[in-house]
C-alpha atoms as a PDB file:
ATOM      1  CA  MET A   1     -28.883   9.859 -37.076  1.00  0.00           C
ATOM      2  CA  LYS A   2     -26.430   7.453 -35.413  1.00  0.00           C
ATOM      3  CA  THR A   3     -24.531  10.433 -34.016  1.00  0.00           C
ATOM      4  CA  ASN A   4     -27.711  11.813 -32.426  1.00  0.00           C
ATOM      5  CA  LEU A   5     -28.467   8.446 -30.816  1.00  0.00           C
ATOM      6  CA  ALA A   6     -24.911   8.168 -29.506  1.00  0.00           C
ATOM      7  CA  VAL A   7     -25.074  11.674 -28.013  1.00  0.00           C
ATOM      8  CA  ALA A   8     -28.448  10.928 -26.394  1.00  0.00           C
ATOM      9  CA  ALA A   9     -27.105   7.680 -24.924  1.00  0.00           C
ATOM     10  CA  LEU A  10     -24.044   9.492 -23.578  1.00  0.00           C
ATOM     11  CA  ILE A  11     -26.198  12.169 -21.944  1.00  0.00           C
ATOM     12  CA  LEU A  12     -28.343   9.502 -20.267  1.00  0.00           C
ATOM     13  CA  PHE A  13     -25.226   7.656 -19.087  1.00  0.00           C
ATOM     14  CA  ILE A  14     -23.650  10.817 -17.668  1.00  0.00           C
ATOM     15  CA  SER A  15     -26.864  11.905 -15.953  1.00  0.00           C
ATOM     16  CA  ASP A  16     -27.200   8.447 -14.396  1.00  0.00           C
ATOM     17  CA  ALA A  17     -23.575   8.480 -13.244  1.00  0.00           C
ATOM     18  CA  TYR A  18     -24.114  11.765 -11.428  1.00  0.00           C
ATOM     19  CA  ALA A  19     -27.575  11.001 -10.094  1.00  0.00           C
ATOM     20  CA  GLU A  20     -28.530  12.441  -6.754  1.00  0.00           C
ATOM     21  CA  PRO A  21     -28.118  10.181  -3.703  1.00  0.00           C
ATOM     22  CA  ALA A  22     -31.769  10.804  -2.835  1.00  0.00           C
ATOM     23  CA  ASP A  23     -32.756   8.979  -6.027  1.00  0.00           C
ATOM     24  CA  HIS A  24     -30.982   5.762  -5.001  1.00  0.00           C
ATOM     25  CA  CYS A  25     -29.788   5.738  -1.388  1.00  0.00           C
ATOM     26  CA  PRO A  26     -31.943   4.703   1.557  1.00  0.00           C
ATOM     27  CA  THR A  27     -33.660   7.390   3.576  1.00  0.00           C
ATOM     28  CA  LEU A  28     -31.672   8.327   6.682  1.00  0.00           C
ATOM     29  CA  PRO A  29     -33.664   8.716   9.908  1.00  0.00           C
ATOM     30  CA  SER A  30     -34.324  12.217  11.156  1.00  0.00           C
ATOM     31  CA  GLY A  31     -31.639  13.445  13.492  1.00  0.00           C
ATOM     32  CA  ALA A  32     -28.873  11.412  11.833  1.00  0.00           C
ATOM     33  CA  THR A  33     -25.820  13.635  11.454  1.00  0.00           C
ATOM     34  CA  LEU A  34     -24.859  11.901   8.205  1.00  0.00           C
ATOM     35  CA  HIS A  35     -25.334  12.628   4.538  1.00  0.00           C
ATOM     36  CA  TRP A  36     -25.042  10.442   1.437  1.00  0.00           C
ATOM     37  CA  GLU A  37     -22.518  10.504  -1.366  1.00  0.00           C
ATOM     38  CA  TYR A  38     -23.493   8.304  -4.295  1.00  0.00           C
ATOM     39  CA  SER A  39     -21.323   6.575  -6.881  1.00  0.00           C
ATOM     40  CA  GLN A  40     -22.827   4.861  -9.920  1.00  0.00           C
ATOM     41  CA  GLY A  41     -21.138   1.789 -11.410  1.00  0.00           C
ATOM     42  CA  PRO A  42     -22.009   0.078 -14.700  1.00  0.00           C
ATOM     43  CA  ASP A  43     -24.707  -2.119 -13.103  1.00  0.00           C
ATOM     44  CA  PHE A  44     -24.698  -1.117  -9.437  1.00  0.00           C
ATOM     45  CA  GLY A  45     -24.603   1.875  -7.114  1.00  0.00           C
ATOM     46  CA  VAL A  46     -22.812   2.592  -3.865  1.00  0.00           C
ATOM     47  CA  CYS A  47     -24.069   4.921  -1.151  1.00  0.00           C
ATOM     48  CA  TYR A  48     -21.518   6.278   1.321  1.00  0.00           C
ATOM     49  CA  ALA A  49     -22.838   7.704   4.599  1.00  0.00           C
ATOM     50  CA  LEU A  50     -20.461  10.476   5.620  1.00  0.00           C
ATOM     51  CA  ALA A  51     -20.366  12.256   8.944  1.00  0.00           C
ATOM     52  CA  SER A  52     -21.346  15.915   8.592  1.00  0.00           C
ATOM     53  CA  GLY A  53     -18.291  18.067   7.893  1.00  0.00           C
ATOM     54  CA  SER A  54     -16.118  15.016   7.245  1.00  0.00           C
ATOM     55  CA  LYS A  55     -15.015  12.752   4.421  1.00  0.00           C
ATOM     56  CA  ASP A  56     -14.919   9.726   6.745  1.00  0.00           C
ATOM     57  CA  THR A  57     -17.326   6.933   5.797  1.00  0.00           C
ATOM     58  CA  ALA A  58     -19.544   5.811   8.679  1.00  0.00           C
ATOM     59  CA  PHE A  59     -21.056   3.037   6.582  1.00  0.00           C
ATOM     60  CA  GLY A  60     -21.558   2.132   2.961  1.00  0.00           C
ATOM     61  CA  ILE A  61     -24.235   0.322   1.010  1.00  0.00           C
ATOM     62  CA  TYR A  62     -23.640  -1.462  -2.299  1.00  0.00           C
ATOM     63  CA  LEU A  63     -26.885  -1.848  -4.269  1.00  0.00           C
ATOM     64  CA  GLY A  64     -26.863  -4.390  -7.079  1.00  0.00           C
ATOM     65  CA  ASN A  65     -26.779  -8.053  -8.020  1.00  0.00           C
ATOM     66  CA  PHE A  66     -23.167  -9.078  -7.448  1.00  0.00           C
ATOM     67  CA  PRO A  67     -21.649  -7.854  -4.167  1.00  0.00           C
ATOM     68  CA  SER A  68     -18.022  -8.798  -3.530  1.00  0.00           C
ATOM     69  CA  PHE A  69     -18.789  -9.731   0.095  1.00  0.00           C
ATOM     70  CA  ASN A  70     -19.501 -13.433   0.661  1.00  0.00           C
ATOM     71  CA  PRO A  71     -20.837 -14.352   4.124  1.00  0.00           C
ATOM     72  CA  GLU A  72     -19.701 -17.964   3.648  1.00  0.00           C
ATOM     73  CA  HIS A  73     -16.091 -16.769   4.005  1.00  0.00           C
ATOM     74  CA  ALA A  74     -16.676 -14.435   6.956  1.00  0.00           C
ATOM     75  CA  THR A  75     -16.840 -14.748  10.738  1.00  0.00           C
ATOM     76  CA  ARG A  76     -20.309 -14.307  12.202  1.00  0.00           C
ATOM     77  CA  VAL A  77     -20.341 -11.856  15.134  1.00  0.00           C
ATOM     78  CA  GLY A  78     -24.007 -11.269  15.903  1.00  0.00           C
ATOM     79  CA  SER A  79     -27.425 -10.303  14.660  1.00  0.00           C
ATOM     80  CA  GLY A  80     -29.254  -7.042  14.223  1.00  0.00           C
ATOM     81  CA  ILE A  81     -31.653  -5.013  12.110  1.00  0.00           C
ATOM     82  CA  VAL A  82     -31.059  -2.973   8.959  1.00  0.00           C
ATOM     83  CA  GLY A  83     -33.933  -1.056   7.436  1.00  0.00           C
ATOM     84  CA  GLY A  84     -36.442  -3.044   9.479  1.00  0.00           C
ATOM     85  CA  ARG A  85     -35.018  -6.378   8.304  1.00  0.00           C
ATOM     86  CA  ASP A  86     -33.296  -8.994  10.480  1.00  0.00           C
ATOM     87  CA  VAL A  87     -29.639  -9.484   9.535  1.00  0.00           C
ATOM     88  CA  VAL A  88     -26.584 -11.441  10.569  1.00  0.00           C
ATOM     89  CA  TRP A  89     -23.468  -9.320  11.113  1.00  0.00           C
ATOM     90  CA  TYR A  90     -20.009 -10.560  10.141  1.00  0.00           C
ATOM     91  CA  ARG A  91     -16.551  -9.298  11.062  1.00  0.00           C
ATOM     92  CA  HIS A  92     -15.391  -6.795   8.448  1.00  0.00           C
ATOM     93  CA  GLY A  93     -12.136  -7.271   6.567  1.00  0.00           C
ATOM     94  CA  THR A  94      -9.182  -9.408   7.461  1.00  0.00           C
ATOM     95  CA  GLY A  95      -9.661  -9.509  11.213  1.00  0.00           C
ATOM     96  CA  ALA A  96      -6.902  -6.952  11.815  1.00  0.00           C
ATOM     97  CA  ALA A  97      -7.171  -4.792  14.935  1.00  0.00           C
ATOM     98  CA  ALA A  98      -8.500  -1.899  12.816  1.00  0.00           C
ATOM     99  CA  ASP A  99     -11.496  -4.077  11.897  1.00  0.00           C
ATOM    100  CA  ARG A 100     -12.400  -4.975  15.502  1.00  0.00           C
ATOM    101  CA  TYR A 101     -15.546  -2.839  15.553  1.00  0.00           C
ATOM    102  CA  SER A 102     -16.412  -2.943  11.854  1.00  0.00           C
ATOM    103  CA  ARG A 103     -19.108  -5.163  10.360  1.00  0.00           C
ATOM    104  CA  ASP A 104     -20.590  -6.492   7.079  1.00  0.00           C
ATOM    105  CA  THR A 105     -23.959  -7.951   6.144  1.00  0.00           C
ATOM    106  CA  ILE A 106     -26.118  -8.723   3.105  1.00  0.00           C
ATOM    107  CA  VAL A 107     -29.804  -7.818   2.757  1.00  0.00           C
ATOM    108  CA  THR A 108     -31.988  -9.191  -0.034  1.00  0.00           C
ATOM    109  CA  LEU A 109     -34.117  -6.313  -1.289  1.00  0.00           C
ATOM    110  CA  ASP A 110     -35.836  -8.145  -4.165  1.00  0.00           C
ATOM    111  CA  GLU A 111     -35.523 -11.922  -4.162  1.00  0.00           C
ATOM    112  CA  LYS A 112     -37.036 -12.413  -7.622  1.00  0.00           C
ATOM    113  CA  ARG A 113     -34.482 -10.102  -9.274  1.00  0.00           C
ATOM    114  CA  ARG A 114     -31.719 -11.065  -6.767  1.00  0.00           C
ATOM    115  CA  TYR A 115     -31.278  -7.376  -5.938  1.00  0.00           C
ATOM    116  CA  LEU A 116     -29.029  -7.135  -2.875  1.00  0.00           C
ATOM    117  CA  ALA A 117     -27.593  -4.605  -0.476  1.00  0.00           C
ATOM    118  CA  HIS A 118     -24.126  -5.238   0.952  1.00  0.00           C
ATOM    119  CA  ILE A 119     -23.789  -3.042   4.024  1.00  0.00           C
ATOM    120  CA  TRP A 120     -20.498  -2.372   5.784  1.00  0.00           C
ATOM    121  CA  VAL A 121     -20.044  -0.363   8.962  1.00  0.00           C
ATOM    122  CA  LEU A 122     -16.724   1.232   9.891  1.00  0.00           C
ATOM    123  CA  ALA A 123     -16.190   2.081  13.562  1.00  0.00           C
ATOM    124  CA  VAL A 124     -13.277   2.631  15.946  1.00  0.00           C
ATOM    125  CA  SER A 125     -15.102   1.962  19.221  1.00  0.00           C
ATOM    126  CA  GLU A 126     -18.015  -0.050  20.564  1.00  0.00           C
ATOM    127  CA  GLN A 127     -19.969   3.164  21.193  1.00  0.00           C
ATOM    128  CA  GLN A 128     -19.462   4.395  17.628  1.00  0.00           C
ATOM    129  CA  LEU A 129     -20.443   0.966  16.271  1.00  0.00           C
ATOM    130  CA  GLN A 130     -23.673   0.946  18.301  1.00  0.00           C
ATOM    131  CA  GLU A 131     -24.576   4.487  17.165  1.00  0.00           C
ATOM    132  CA  ARG A 132     -24.087   3.539  13.519  1.00  0.00           C
ATOM    133  CA  LEU A 133     -25.983   0.256  13.870  1.00  0.00           C
ATOM    134  CA  SER A 134     -28.860   2.198  15.447  1.00  0.00           C
ATOM    135  CA  ILE A 135     -29.027   4.488  12.408  1.00  0.00           C
ATOM    136  CA  LEU A 136     -28.910   1.509  10.040  1.00  0.00           C
ATOM    137  CA  GLY A 137     -31.784  -0.098  11.901  1.00  0.00           C
ATOM    138  CA  ARG A 138     -33.949   2.929  11.067  1.00  0.00           C
ATOM    139  CA  ILE A 139     -33.014   3.571   7.422  1.00  0.00           C
ATOM    140  CA  ARG A 140     -35.606   2.904   4.714  1.00  0.00           C
ATOM    141  CA  PHE A 141     -34.549   1.301   1.439  1.00  0.00           C
ATOM    142  CA  ARG A 142     -35.793   2.500  -1.948  1.00  0.00           C
ATOM    143  CA  VAL A 143     -36.307  -0.634  -4.015  1.00  0.00           C
ATOM    144  CA  PRO A 144     -36.528   0.089  -7.741  1.00  0.00           C
END
């Protein structure tokens, strides 16, 4: 009996770990030339928006309760909208030249459960940054 329960638990764990991005990741706006890859952690998920035909991450979204990004230790660089919500954008990373056009923010998806989204945008030019921010402004979160 214990063996059957262990096997059932393992099957549920494996199926959760390989869940489809559509089950967890926000909805991308029509016309976005991106697709999601999803990675399940023990108590969180991460959605990676990849450019079509590429393995390069345009932006990523951590979904969970304990993001590693802390705005208190970051440099504020502006404001914007993600998924219809007002956000404050912060400089991504260490401030190195490679991070010049990259950004981070936090969105509270469920205040009662402290369910958060840490969003980071990776860009190499102002134009690319603006295109990616435009897409993020039009995504729609799926709040469990």
